[in-house]
Amino acid sequence: MNQGTLDRRAAVATLLKDRGDLLVVTGLGSPSYDCFAAGDDPLNYYLWAAMGSACTVGFGLAMTQRERPVLVVTGDGEMLMGLGAIASIAQKRPPNLTIAVIDNGHYGETGMQLSHSGRGIELSRIAGACDFPWSGAITDMAGVEALRTRIHAKSGTAFATIKVGSDELPRALPSRDGVAVKNRFRAALGLQTI
């Protein structure tokens, strides 16, 4: 059962501190709010209406933007919807991809029902079983700092569950205009906007 106590906003802000050229893909809902609250950046790709897709979008970016670190910030509920992505990512192992699951043990976007991770499923163990080079559960800020170092070192495909409390925080809303988010991100990568 998730017994997380870390402050989700502090953990995400730590991951994004001194980010440099870090590409960030956010899952639906609270992970997007957390990243936006830490400081909006053109290299943040906020997913809206794409539940379960954060890892696959991050995977594609990591495969095509190999010189840059890629961080997926998603929630336990969304990760549970996209478990197949873990196996696909583990097969290719892009060394510049890190998946950080902000795990509060609840489905925050649908009423705070207990999620499977709240009932004892440890998502980092699933990633480990799929043969991720590194996976683990993080329960303290020292672990968050160590993960941030790992992200920037691009030292291998990594998967972490960051155990946070289930407090409901004020929403910090990035743009919900999907075309604008996409074009801003493409421009930040030096690609033509379409």
N, C-alpha and C. Protein backbone atom coordinates (compact mmCIF):
# COMPACT_ATOMS: atom_id res chain seq x y z
N MET A 1 0.84 -1.19 0.00
CA MET A 1 0.00 0.00 0.00
C MET A 1 0.88 1.25 0.00
N ASN A 2 0.54 2.23 -0.82
CA ASN A 2 1.31 3.48 -0.91
C ASN A 2 1.22 4.23 0.41
N GLN A 3 2.36 4.49 1.00
CA GLN A 3 2.44 5.27 2.23
C GLN A 3 3.23 6.55 1.98
N GLY A 4 3.11 7.11 0.77
CA GLY A 4 3.90 8.26 0.38
C GLY A 4 3.63 9.50 1.21
N THR A 5 4.69 10.22 1.47
CA THR A 5 4.57 11.46 2.23
C THR A 5 5.26 12.64 1.56
N LEU A 6 5.98 12.41 0.46
CA LEU A 6 6.68 13.52 -0.19
C LEU A 6 5.67 14.51 -0.75
N ASP A 7 6.04 15.77 -0.76
CA ASP A 7 5.24 16.81 -1.38
C ASP A 7 5.48 16.73 -2.89
N ARG A 8 4.43 16.46 -3.65
CA ARG A 8 4.57 16.25 -5.09
C ARG A 8 5.15 17.46 -5.80
N ARG A 9 4.74 18.66 -5.41
CA ARG A 9 5.24 19.87 -6.08
C ARG A 9 6.73 20.07 -5.81
N ALA A 10 7.16 19.80 -4.58
CA ALA A 10 8.58 19.92 -4.25
C ALA A 10 9.40 18.88 -5.00
N ALA A 11 8.88 17.67 -5.10
CA ALA A 11 9.60 16.61 -5.81
C ALA A 11 9.76 16.96 -7.29
N VAL A 12 8.68 17.39 -7.93
CA VAL A 12 8.74 17.73 -9.35
C VAL A 12 9.64 18.95 -9.57
N ALA A 13 9.53 19.95 -8.71
CA ALA A 13 10.40 21.14 -8.84
C ALA A 13 11.86 20.74 -8.73
N THR A 14 12.18 19.79 -7.87
CA THR A 14 13.55 19.31 -7.74
C THR A 14 14.00 18.61 -9.01
N LEU A 15 13.15 17.78 -9.59
CA LEU A 15 13.51 17.10 -10.84
C LEU A 15 13.79 18.09 -11.95
N LEU A 16 13.06 19.22 -11.97
CA LEU A 16 13.18 20.19 -13.06
C LEU A 16 14.18 21.32 -12.78
N LYS A 17 14.80 21.29 -11.62
CA LYS A 17 15.76 22.33 -11.25
C LYS A 17 16.98 22.28 -12.18
N ASP A 18 17.42 23.44 -12.63
CA ASP A 18 18.59 23.53 -13.52
C ASP A 18 18.46 22.55 -14.68
N ARG A 19 17.36 22.60 -15.38
CA ARG A 19 17.00 21.58 -16.35
C ARG A 19 17.77 21.61 -17.65
N GLY A 20 18.35 22.74 -18.00
CA GLY A 20 19.09 22.81 -19.26
C GLY A 20 18.22 22.45 -20.45
N ASP A 21 18.66 21.47 -21.26
CA ASP A 21 17.93 21.11 -22.47
C ASP A 21 16.99 19.92 -22.27
N LEU A 22 16.60 19.66 -21.03
CA LEU A 22 15.72 18.54 -20.70
C LEU A 22 14.37 18.68 -21.39
N LEU A 23 13.95 17.62 -22.08
CA LEU A 23 12.63 17.56 -22.69
C LEU A 23 11.70 16.87 -21.70
N VAL A 24 10.54 17.45 -21.45
CA VAL A 24 9.60 16.92 -20.46
C VAL A 24 8.25 16.65 -21.11
N VAL A 25 7.75 15.44 -20.92
CA VAL A 25 6.41 15.07 -21.36
C VAL A 25 5.61 14.82 -20.09
N THR A 26 4.45 15.45 -19.99
CA THR A 26 3.65 15.30 -18.78
C THR A 26 2.39 14.49 -19.06
N GLY A 27 2.01 13.70 -18.07
CA GLY A 27 0.76 12.96 -18.13
C GLY A 27 -0.41 13.88 -17.85
N LEU A 28 -1.56 13.37 -18.12
CA LEU A 28 -2.80 14.11 -17.94
C LEU A 28 -3.03 14.51 -16.48
N GLY A 29 -3.51 15.70 -16.26
CA GLY A 29 -3.92 16.14 -14.92
C GLY A 29 -2.78 16.62 -14.05
N SER A 30 -2.71 16.09 -12.85
CA SER A 30 -1.80 16.62 -11.82
C SER A 30 -0.33 16.68 -12.25
N PRO A 31 0.22 15.69 -12.98
CA PRO A 31 1.61 15.85 -13.42
C PRO A 31 1.82 17.10 -14.28
N SER A 32 0.82 17.44 -15.11
CA SER A 32 0.93 18.68 -15.90
C SER A 32 0.88 19.90 -14.99
N TYR A 33 -0.02 19.87 -14.00
CA TYR A 33 -0.12 20.99 -13.06
C TYR A 33 1.19 21.15 -12.29
N ASP A 34 1.78 20.02 -11.87
CA ASP A 34 3.02 20.06 -11.09
C ASP A 34 4.17 20.66 -11.90
N CYS A 35 4.29 20.22 -13.16
CA CYS A 35 5.38 20.75 -14.00
C CYS A 35 5.18 22.22 -14.31
N PHE A 36 3.95 22.61 -14.57
CA PHE A 36 3.66 24.02 -14.84
C PHE A 36 3.94 24.86 -13.60
N ALA A 37 3.56 24.36 -12.42
CA ALA A 37 3.82 25.10 -11.16
C ALA A 37 5.31 25.25 -10.91
N ALA A 38 6.12 24.31 -11.39
CA ALA A 38 7.57 24.39 -11.21
C ALA A 38 8.20 25.40 -12.14
N GLY A 39 7.45 25.86 -13.14
CA GLY A 39 7.95 26.84 -14.09
C GLY A 39 7.70 26.38 -15.51
N ASP A 40 6.86 27.10 -16.21
CA ASP A 40 6.54 26.76 -17.59
C ASP A 40 7.80 26.87 -18.44
N ASP A 41 7.90 26.01 -19.43
CA ASP A 41 9.07 26.01 -20.31
C ASP A 41 8.62 25.52 -21.69
N PRO A 42 9.15 26.10 -22.77
CA PRO A 42 8.77 25.64 -24.10
C PRO A 42 9.13 24.18 -24.35
N LEU A 43 10.04 23.62 -23.55
CA LEU A 43 10.42 22.21 -23.70
C LEU A 43 9.55 21.28 -22.87
N ASN A 44 8.44 21.82 -22.32
CA ASN A 44 7.43 20.98 -21.66
C ASN A 44 6.36 20.66 -22.69
N TYR A 45 6.05 19.38 -22.84
CA TYR A 45 4.98 18.95 -23.72
C TYR A 45 3.85 18.42 -22.84
N TYR A 46 2.83 19.25 -22.65
CA TYR A 46 1.70 18.90 -21.81
C TYR A 46 0.70 18.09 -22.62
N LEU A 47 0.40 16.89 -22.17
CA LEU A 47 -0.58 16.07 -22.87
C LEU A 47 -1.96 16.31 -22.29
N TRP A 48 -2.89 16.57 -23.15
CA TRP A 48 -4.29 16.71 -22.76
C TRP A 48 -5.08 15.68 -23.56
N ALA A 49 -6.03 15.04 -22.91
CA ALA A 49 -6.92 14.07 -23.56
C ALA A 49 -6.15 12.92 -24.19
N ALA A 50 -5.04 12.54 -23.59
CA ALA A 50 -4.22 11.45 -24.12
C ALA A 50 -3.87 10.49 -22.98
N MET A 51 -4.85 10.16 -22.16
CA MET A 51 -4.63 9.32 -20.98
C MET A 51 -3.94 8.01 -21.36
N GLY A 52 -2.85 7.72 -20.67
CA GLY A 52 -2.10 6.50 -20.90
C GLY A 52 -1.01 6.63 -21.94
N SER A 53 -0.82 7.82 -22.51
CA SER A 53 0.12 7.98 -23.63
C SER A 53 1.42 8.68 -23.29
N ALA A 54 1.59 9.18 -22.09
CA ALA A 54 2.79 9.96 -21.76
C ALA A 54 4.07 9.16 -22.01
N CYS A 55 4.10 7.90 -21.59
CA CYS A 55 5.32 7.10 -21.76
C CYS A 55 5.64 6.83 -23.23
N THR A 56 4.61 6.58 -24.03
CA THR A 56 4.89 6.31 -25.44
C THR A 56 5.34 7.57 -26.17
N VAL A 57 4.80 8.73 -25.82
CA VAL A 57 5.26 9.97 -26.42
C VAL A 57 6.72 10.24 -26.00
N GLY A 58 7.01 10.07 -24.72
CA GLY A 58 8.38 10.25 -24.24
C GLY A 58 9.35 9.28 -24.89
N PHE A 59 8.91 8.05 -25.08
CA PHE A 59 9.72 7.02 -25.74
C PHE A 59 10.07 7.46 -27.16
N GLY A 60 9.08 7.92 -27.91
CA GLY A 60 9.34 8.39 -29.26
C GLY A 60 10.32 9.55 -29.29
N LEU A 61 10.16 10.48 -28.36
CA LEU A 61 11.10 11.61 -28.28
C LEU A 61 12.51 11.14 -27.97
N ALA A 62 12.62 10.22 -27.02
CA ALA A 62 13.95 9.72 -26.64
C ALA A 62 14.64 9.01 -27.81
N MET A 63 13.85 8.34 -28.63
CA MET A 63 14.43 7.63 -29.78
C MET A 63 14.87 8.59 -30.88
N THR A 64 14.24 9.76 -30.98
CA THR A 64 14.56 10.69 -32.05
C THR A 64 15.42 11.87 -31.61
N GLN A 65 15.46 12.15 -30.31
CA GLN A 65 16.24 13.27 -29.76
C GLN A 65 17.31 12.72 -28.83
N ARG A 66 18.14 11.83 -29.33
CA ARG A 66 19.06 11.05 -28.50
C ARG A 66 20.10 11.88 -27.76
N GLU A 67 20.37 13.08 -28.25
CA GLU A 67 21.39 13.91 -27.59
C GLU A 67 20.84 14.62 -26.35
N ARG A 68 19.52 14.59 -26.15
CA ARG A 68 18.90 15.31 -25.04
C ARG A 68 18.30 14.33 -24.04
N PRO A 69 18.35 14.69 -22.76
CA PRO A 69 17.63 13.86 -21.78
C PRO A 69 16.13 14.10 -21.92
N VAL A 70 15.36 13.02 -21.74
CA VAL A 70 13.91 13.08 -21.83
C VAL A 70 13.33 12.55 -20.52
N LEU A 71 12.44 13.32 -19.94
CA LEU A 71 11.78 12.94 -18.70
C LEU A 71 10.28 12.88 -18.93
N VAL A 72 9.67 11.75 -18.58
CA VAL A 72 8.22 11.63 -18.56
C VAL A 72 7.79 11.76 -17.12
N VAL A 73 6.90 12.70 -16.84
CA VAL A 73 6.32 12.86 -15.50
C VAL A 73 4.86 12.49 -15.63
N THR A 74 4.48 11.38 -15.02
CA THR A 74 3.12 10.89 -15.13
C THR A 74 2.64 10.42 -13.76
N GLY A 75 1.38 10.06 -13.68
CA GLY A 75 0.81 9.59 -12.42
C GLY A 75 0.63 8.09 -12.41
N ASP A 76 0.37 7.54 -11.23
CA ASP A 76 0.19 6.10 -11.12
C ASP A 76 -1.05 5.64 -11.88
N GLY A 77 -2.12 6.41 -11.87
CA GLY A 77 -3.33 6.03 -12.60
C GLY A 77 -3.08 5.94 -14.09
N GLU A 78 -2.41 6.95 -14.65
CA GLU A 78 -2.12 6.93 -16.08
C GLU A 78 -1.16 5.80 -16.42
N MET A 79 -0.16 5.57 -15.58
CA MET A 79 0.80 4.51 -15.85
C MET A 79 0.11 3.15 -15.87
N LEU A 80 -0.85 2.97 -14.99
CA LEU A 80 -1.60 1.72 -14.98
C LEU A 80 -2.36 1.51 -16.28
N MET A 81 -2.77 2.60 -16.93
CA MET A 81 -3.47 2.49 -18.21
C MET A 81 -2.53 2.19 -19.37
N GLY A 82 -1.25 2.44 -19.19
CA GLY A 82 -0.28 2.27 -20.27
C GLY A 82 0.82 1.28 -19.94
N LEU A 83 0.50 0.21 -19.20
CA LEU A 83 1.54 -0.73 -18.77
C LEU A 83 2.29 -1.37 -19.93
N GLY A 84 1.62 -1.56 -21.06
CA GLY A 84 2.30 -2.16 -22.19
C GLY A 84 3.49 -1.35 -22.66
N ALA A 85 3.45 -0.05 -22.44
CA ALA A 85 4.57 0.81 -22.85
C ALA A 85 5.86 0.43 -22.13
N ILE A 86 5.73 -0.03 -20.89
CA ILE A 86 6.93 -0.39 -20.12
C ILE A 86 7.70 -1.50 -20.82
N ALA A 87 6.99 -2.52 -21.30
CA ALA A 87 7.66 -3.62 -21.99
C ALA A 87 8.32 -3.17 -23.29
N SER A 88 7.63 -2.31 -24.04
CA SER A 88 8.20 -1.82 -25.31
C SER A 88 9.44 -0.99 -25.06
N ILE A 89 9.39 -0.11 -24.07
CA ILE A 89 10.54 0.74 -23.75
C ILE A 89 11.72 -0.10 -23.30
N ALA A 90 11.46 -1.12 -22.49
CA ALA A 90 12.53 -1.99 -21.98
C ALA A 90 13.23 -2.75 -23.11
N GLN A 91 12.52 -3.00 -24.20
CA GLN A 91 13.14 -3.70 -25.33
C GLN A 91 14.15 -2.82 -26.06
N LYS A 92 13.89 -1.52 -26.15
CA LYS A 92 14.76 -0.61 -26.90
C LYS A 92 15.77 0.11 -25.99
N ARG A 93 15.41 0.35 -24.75
CA ARG A 93 16.29 0.97 -23.75
C ARG A 93 16.98 2.25 -24.19
N PRO A 94 16.26 3.27 -24.58
CA PRO A 94 16.95 4.52 -24.90
C PRO A 94 17.65 5.06 -23.65
N PRO A 95 18.95 5.32 -23.72
CA PRO A 95 19.71 5.70 -22.53
C PRO A 95 19.37 7.08 -21.99
N ASN A 96 18.62 7.86 -22.77
CA ASN A 96 18.29 9.23 -22.37
C ASN A 96 16.87 9.37 -21.84
N LEU A 97 16.18 8.26 -21.55
CA LEU A 97 14.78 8.31 -21.11
C LEU A 97 14.63 7.91 -19.65
N THR A 98 13.95 8.77 -18.91
CA THR A 98 13.58 8.48 -17.53
C THR A 98 12.08 8.68 -17.38
N ILE A 99 11.44 7.73 -16.72
CA ILE A 99 10.02 7.82 -16.42
C ILE A 99 9.89 8.00 -14.91
N ALA A 100 9.26 9.09 -14.52
CA ALA A 100 9.01 9.38 -13.10
C ALA A 100 7.51 9.32 -12.87
N VAL A 101 7.06 8.34 -12.11
CA VAL A 101 5.65 8.18 -11.81
C VAL A 101 5.38 8.83 -10.45
N ILE A 102 4.59 9.87 -10.47
CA ILE A 102 4.21 10.55 -9.23
C ILE A 102 3.07 9.71 -8.63
N ASP A 103 3.41 8.93 -7.63
CA ASP A 103 2.52 7.88 -7.12
C ASP A 103 1.90 8.28 -5.79
N ASN A 104 0.62 8.67 -5.85
CA ASN A 104 -0.10 9.00 -4.62
C ASN A 104 -1.09 7.90 -4.22
N GLY A 105 -1.09 6.81 -5.02
CA GLY A 105 -1.96 5.69 -4.69
C GLY A 105 -3.43 5.92 -4.97
N HIS A 106 -3.74 6.96 -5.75
CA HIS A 106 -5.15 7.31 -6.03
C HIS A 106 -5.32 7.74 -7.47
N TYR A 107 -6.56 7.62 -7.94
CA TYR A 107 -6.94 8.17 -9.23
C TYR A 107 -7.42 9.60 -8.98
N GLY A 108 -6.49 10.55 -9.04
CA GLY A 108 -6.78 11.92 -8.67
C GLY A 108 -7.74 12.65 -9.57
N GLU A 109 -7.82 12.27 -10.83
CA GLU A 109 -8.66 13.00 -11.78
C GLU A 109 -10.10 12.53 -11.78
N THR A 110 -10.40 11.44 -11.11
CA THR A 110 -11.76 10.90 -11.17
C THR A 110 -12.41 10.77 -9.80
N GLY A 111 -11.84 11.39 -8.78
CA GLY A 111 -12.49 11.38 -7.48
C GLY A 111 -11.69 10.80 -6.33
N MET A 112 -10.40 10.56 -6.53
CA MET A 112 -9.50 10.07 -5.49
C MET A 112 -9.82 8.65 -5.01
N GLN A 113 -10.33 7.81 -5.93
CA GLN A 113 -10.48 6.40 -5.59
C GLN A 113 -9.08 5.79 -5.46
N LEU A 114 -8.95 4.76 -4.62
CA LEU A 114 -7.68 4.06 -4.46
C LEU A 114 -7.30 3.42 -5.80
N SER A 115 -6.05 3.61 -6.20
CA SER A 115 -5.55 2.97 -7.42
C SER A 115 -4.95 1.62 -7.04
N HIS A 116 -4.51 0.88 -8.03
CA HIS A 116 -3.87 -0.41 -7.75
C HIS A 116 -2.58 -0.21 -6.96
N SER A 117 -1.86 0.89 -7.22
CA SER A 117 -0.65 1.13 -6.43
C SER A 117 -1.01 1.45 -4.99
N GLY A 118 -2.16 2.04 -4.78
CA GLY A 118 -2.64 2.28 -3.42
C GLY A 118 -3.06 1.00 -2.72
N ARG A 119 -3.22 -0.05 -3.50
CA ARG A 119 -3.60 -1.36 -2.95
C ARG A 119 -2.42 -2.32 -2.91
N GLY A 120 -1.21 -1.81 -3.18
CA GLY A 120 -0.01 -2.63 -3.01
C GLY A 120 0.78 -2.97 -4.25
N ILE A 121 0.31 -2.62 -5.44
CA ILE A 121 1.08 -2.88 -6.66
C ILE A 121 2.20 -1.85 -6.75
N GLU A 122 3.43 -2.33 -6.85
CA GLU A 122 4.59 -1.42 -6.97
C GLU A 122 5.01 -1.36 -8.43
N LEU A 123 4.74 -0.24 -9.07
CA LEU A 123 5.00 -0.08 -10.50
C LEU A 123 6.48 -0.21 -10.85
N SER A 124 7.37 0.23 -9.99
CA SER A 124 8.80 0.10 -10.31
C SER A 124 9.23 -1.36 -10.37
N ARG A 125 8.56 -2.22 -9.65
CA ARG A 125 8.87 -3.65 -9.72
C ARG A 125 8.42 -4.23 -11.06
N ILE A 126 7.33 -3.71 -11.62
CA ILE A 126 6.90 -4.14 -12.95
C ILE A 126 7.96 -3.75 -13.98
N ALA A 127 8.47 -2.51 -13.87
CA ALA A 127 9.53 -2.06 -14.78
C ALA A 127 10.78 -2.93 -14.61
N GLY A 128 11.11 -3.26 -13.38
CA GLY A 128 12.24 -4.14 -13.13
C GLY A 128 12.04 -5.51 -13.75
N ALA A 129 10.83 -6.04 -13.65
CA ALA A 129 10.53 -7.34 -14.24
C ALA A 129 10.61 -7.30 -15.76
N CYS A 130 10.38 -6.13 -16.34
CA CYS A 130 10.50 -5.96 -17.80
C CYS A 130 11.95 -5.74 -18.21
N ASP A 131 12.85 -5.71 -17.24
CA ASP A 131 14.30 -5.59 -17.47
C ASP A 131 14.77 -4.17 -17.78
N PHE A 132 14.13 -3.18 -17.13
CA PHE A 132 14.69 -1.82 -17.18
C PHE A 132 16.07 -1.86 -16.56
N PRO A 133 17.04 -1.13 -17.11
CA PRO A 133 18.37 -1.10 -16.51
C PRO A 133 18.37 -0.59 -15.06
N TRP A 134 17.46 0.36 -14.75
CA TRP A 134 17.34 0.85 -13.38
C TRP A 134 15.88 1.14 -13.09
N SER A 135 15.42 0.69 -11.94
CA SER A 135 14.07 1.03 -11.48
C SER A 135 14.09 1.04 -9.96
N GLY A 136 13.23 1.87 -9.38
CA GLY A 136 13.15 1.92 -7.94
C GLY A 136 12.03 2.82 -7.45
N ALA A 137 11.73 2.67 -6.18
CA ALA A 137 10.74 3.51 -5.50
C ALA A 137 11.49 4.55 -4.68
N ILE A 138 11.08 5.79 -4.79
CA ILE A 138 11.74 6.90 -4.09
C ILE A 138 10.81 7.42 -3.01
N THR A 139 11.32 7.48 -1.80
CA THR A 139 10.52 7.89 -0.65
C THR A 139 11.08 9.10 0.08
N ASP A 140 12.20 9.65 -0.41
CA ASP A 140 12.77 10.83 0.25
C ASP A 140 13.37 11.77 -0.79
N MET A 141 13.62 13.00 -0.38
CA MET A 141 14.13 14.00 -1.32
C MET A 141 15.56 13.69 -1.78
N ALA A 142 16.33 12.99 -0.98
CA ALA A 142 17.66 12.57 -1.43
C ALA A 142 17.53 11.66 -2.65
N GLY A 143 16.53 10.81 -2.66
CA GLY A 143 16.28 9.95 -3.81
C GLY A 143 15.85 10.74 -5.03
N VAL A 144 15.07 11.79 -4.81
CA VAL A 144 14.65 12.66 -5.93
C VAL A 144 15.87 13.35 -6.52
N GLU A 145 16.75 13.85 -5.67
CA GLU A 145 17.99 14.49 -6.14
C GLU A 145 18.85 13.50 -6.93
N ALA A 146 18.96 12.28 -6.43
CA ALA A 146 19.75 11.26 -7.13
C ALA A 146 19.13 10.95 -8.50
N LEU A 147 17.81 10.93 -8.57
CA LEU A 147 17.15 10.70 -9.85
C LEU A 147 17.42 11.85 -10.81
N ARG A 148 17.40 13.07 -10.32
CA ARG A 148 17.70 14.23 -11.17
C ARG A 148 19.11 14.10 -11.76
N THR A 149 20.06 13.69 -10.96
CA THR A 149 21.44 13.48 -11.44
C THR A 149 21.46 12.40 -12.52
N ARG A 150 20.74 11.32 -12.30
CA ARG A 150 20.66 10.21 -13.26
C ARG A 150 20.07 10.70 -14.59
N ILE A 151 19.03 11.53 -14.52
CA ILE A 151 18.38 12.05 -15.73
C ILE A 151 19.39 12.77 -16.60
N HIS A 152 20.15 13.68 -16.01
CA HIS A 152 21.08 14.51 -16.78
C HIS A 152 22.31 13.74 -17.23
N ALA A 153 22.64 12.65 -16.55
CA ALA A 153 23.79 11.83 -16.96
C ALA A 153 23.44 10.94 -18.15
N LYS A 154 22.14 10.79 -18.43
CA LYS A 154 21.67 9.89 -19.50
C LYS A 154 22.36 8.53 -19.37
N SER A 155 22.32 8.00 -18.15
CA SER A 155 23.07 6.78 -17.83
C SER A 155 22.27 5.50 -18.02
N GLY A 156 21.20 5.56 -18.75
CA GLY A 156 20.42 4.36 -19.02
C GLY A 156 18.95 4.58 -18.75
N THR A 157 18.12 3.80 -19.41
CA THR A 157 16.69 3.90 -19.24
C THR A 157 16.34 3.68 -17.77
N ALA A 158 15.56 4.58 -17.20
CA ALA A 158 15.24 4.51 -15.78
C ALA A 158 13.75 4.69 -15.55
N PHE A 159 13.28 4.06 -14.47
CA PHE A 159 11.86 4.12 -14.09
C PHE A 159 11.81 4.28 -12.58
N ALA A 160 11.15 5.34 -12.12
CA ALA A 160 11.03 5.57 -10.68
C ALA A 160 9.59 5.87 -10.30
N THR A 161 9.15 5.29 -9.21
CA THR A 161 7.91 5.75 -8.60
C THR A 161 8.32 6.66 -7.46
N ILE A 162 7.77 7.84 -7.45
CA ILE A 162 8.05 8.81 -6.39
C ILE A 162 6.82 8.85 -5.50
N LYS A 163 6.97 8.38 -4.27
CA LYS A 163 5.85 8.20 -3.35
C LYS A 163 5.49 9.53 -2.70
N VAL A 164 4.35 10.07 -3.12
CA VAL A 164 3.90 11.37 -2.63
C VAL A 164 2.62 11.22 -1.83
N GLY A 165 2.33 12.23 -1.03
CA GLY A 165 1.08 12.26 -0.30
C GLY A 165 -0.09 12.49 -1.24
N SER A 166 -1.29 12.28 -0.73
CA SER A 166 -2.47 12.41 -1.59
C SER A 166 -3.22 13.72 -1.35
N ASP A 167 -2.53 14.72 -0.82
CA ASP A 167 -3.17 16.03 -0.62
C ASP A 167 -3.60 16.60 -1.96
N GLU A 168 -4.77 17.21 -1.97
CA GLU A 168 -5.24 17.87 -3.19
C GLU A 168 -4.68 19.29 -3.20
N LEU A 169 -3.95 19.60 -4.26
CA LEU A 169 -3.28 20.90 -4.36
C LEU A 169 -4.03 21.78 -5.36
N PRO A 170 -3.86 23.10 -5.25
CA PRO A 170 -4.49 23.98 -6.23
C PRO A 170 -3.95 23.68 -7.63
N ARG A 171 -4.81 23.76 -8.60
CA ARG A 171 -4.39 23.48 -9.96
C ARG A 171 -3.63 24.67 -10.54
N ALA A 172 -2.53 24.36 -11.18
CA ALA A 172 -1.75 25.34 -11.93
C ALA A 172 -1.88 24.90 -13.38
N LEU A 173 -2.69 25.60 -14.15
CA LEU A 173 -3.08 25.12 -15.47
C LEU A 173 -2.24 25.70 -16.61
N PRO A 174 -1.49 24.83 -17.31
CA PRO A 174 -0.84 25.28 -18.54
C PRO A 174 -1.88 25.39 -19.64
N SER A 175 -1.46 25.87 -20.77
CA SER A 175 -2.36 26.00 -21.91
C SER A 175 -2.99 24.65 -22.25
N ARG A 176 -4.27 24.71 -22.56
CA ARG A 176 -4.97 23.49 -23.00
C ARG A 176 -5.16 23.49 -24.52
N ASP A 177 -4.53 24.42 -25.19
CA ASP A 177 -4.58 24.49 -26.65
C ASP A 177 -3.52 23.54 -27.20
N GLY A 178 -3.95 22.35 -27.59
CA GLY A 178 -3.02 21.32 -28.03
C GLY A 178 -2.16 21.73 -29.21
N VAL A 179 -2.74 22.44 -30.15
CA VAL A 179 -1.97 22.89 -31.32
C VAL A 179 -0.89 23.88 -30.88
N ALA A 180 -1.24 24.81 -30.00
CA ALA A 180 -0.25 25.79 -29.52
C ALA A 180 0.86 25.10 -28.74
N VAL A 181 0.52 24.14 -27.88
CA VAL A 181 1.54 23.40 -27.11
C VAL A 181 2.47 22.66 -28.06
N LYS A 182 1.88 21.97 -29.04
CA LYS A 182 2.69 21.23 -30.03
C LYS A 182 3.61 22.16 -30.80
N ASN A 183 3.07 23.26 -31.32
CA ASN A 183 3.89 24.17 -32.12
C ASN A 183 4.98 24.85 -31.29
N ARG A 184 4.67 25.19 -30.06
CA ARG A 184 5.69 25.79 -29.19
C ARG A 184 6.82 24.80 -28.94
N PHE A 185 6.46 23.54 -28.67
CA PHE A 185 7.46 22.50 -28.42
C PHE A 185 8.31 22.26 -29.67
N ARG A 186 7.67 22.15 -30.83
CA ARG A 186 8.41 21.95 -32.08
C ARG A 186 9.37 23.11 -32.34
N ALA A 187 8.90 24.33 -32.11
CA ALA A 187 9.77 25.50 -32.32
C ALA A 187 10.97 25.45 -31.37
N ALA A 188 10.75 25.03 -30.12
CA ALA A 188 11.85 24.94 -29.16
C ALA A 188 12.87 23.88 -29.57
N LEU A 189 12.42 22.89 -30.32
CA LEU A 189 13.33 21.86 -30.85
C LEU A 189 13.98 22.28 -32.17
N GLY A 190 13.60 23.46 -32.67
CA GLY A 190 14.14 23.92 -33.95
C GLY A 190 13.47 23.28 -35.14
N LEU A 191 12.26 22.76 -34.94
CA LEU A 191 11.51 22.11 -36.02
C LEU A 191 10.45 23.05 -36.56
N GLN A 192 10.05 22.83 -37.79
CA GLN A 192 9.00 23.62 -38.41
C GLN A 192 7.67 23.38 -37.67
N THR A 193 6.93 24.45 -37.45
CA THR A 193 5.61 24.29 -36.85
C THR A 193 4.61 23.98 -37.95
N ILE A 194 3.63 23.16 -37.60
CA ILE A 194 2.64 22.77 -38.59
C ILE A 194 1.25 22.89 -38.02
